[in-house]
Amino acid sequence: MERTSRGRVPDFFIVGHAKSGTTALYEMLRRHPQIFMSDVKEPQFFARNPRQPTGSRGKAFDQTGRRQETLEQYTSLFAAARPDQRVGDASTFYLWTPAAPDRIAAAQPGARIIAILREPASFLRSLHLQMVQNLTEPEKDLRRALALEEARREGREIPGNSYWPSALIYSDRVRYVDQLRRYHAVFPSEQVLVLIYDDFRSDNEATVRRVLRFLDVDDTAPVEVVSANPTVGVRSVRLGRMVRAVRAGSGPVAQAVRGTVKTLTTSRIRTGVLYPARRRLVYGEAQPVDEQLTLELRRRFRGEVEALSAYLDRDLVSLWGYDGLG
């Protein structure tokens, strides 16, 4: 168990993927008395690009919003953990960032690694909706966003506020076998647990108890089932950016608007009325599934699913319905 002067390097890492139950798993594990996970989900410390400019969001934060630049600052997120607790970090960029496995292994050779994989077409749809919701993807149409990948690999068509441009190369996210091999190259197989999203959805509790056994903690403790983050659509990317700017106080106009709202309303009104109204204004129901695009994606990634089935020795081709593709 590695220690620094300000805290501990985590004992285990939920490495991803996003939109695959990682948030629900994080919430359920952190309720276990023998597990400590920081209030900051997604520190991303071992995935961040050290050359990112000052002000980039692709860095870890502590509870006060301060950026975590050093290992000591990062481990301060876990300083409150008791000596008898397992410490965990849940950062979904760790699975698809090529450098993350080596960095984690260097800091904590004994780390336990937990990955969750989801059927590629549904995963990419949910991921794209999240990127639009987070205002890092201005292209609301998934087909057009996928078509931008070649240009984005060359550094073109990158949104001005994209703090992690490689995150917009969606097809790289479903190179599951390559991602797992990077972890198996630096960790023994007994330290890597690969979960399938379908199993987690069908039986949250059984999956969590499997994880508890993997972490060598009491798997008989009560498990509180937590719902995953819902998939929502964005009505207007431009409006969402304006609202975010006002909330963040970016610019004199934003600060003036925030000051006026604060002067004319109580905290209860702002929280109970204005903020929900803002959410209804910006967000709405997700667009219906594009069945034709889904079929195209399933055909495109069938080889990856077949390779993953062989790699994990599990028939995901049938589970995910790839055996009936023409």
Foldseek 3Di string as FASTA:
>chain_A
DAADPQAGQAQAEAADDPPLCLVQLVVFQCPDPQAHEFPDAAQQALQDDLPQDPPQPNHGAAPVRDGDNDPNSVRNSHNPDDPRHGYYHYHHSLLLRLRRLVSSCVRHVNHAYEYEDEQQLVVLQLLLLVCLVVLQDQDQDSVVLQVCLVVLVVVPPGDPNNSDSVSSNSVSVLLNVVSVVSNVVRHPPLRYHYHYSVVCVVPVLVVSLVVCVSVVHDSVDDTDGDDDDDRWHWPHSVLSVVVVCLVVVPDPVSVVVVVVPPVVDPPCCCVVPVVVVSCVVTIHHRDDDPVVVSLVVLVVCVVSQVVVCVVVVHPVCVVVVVVPRD
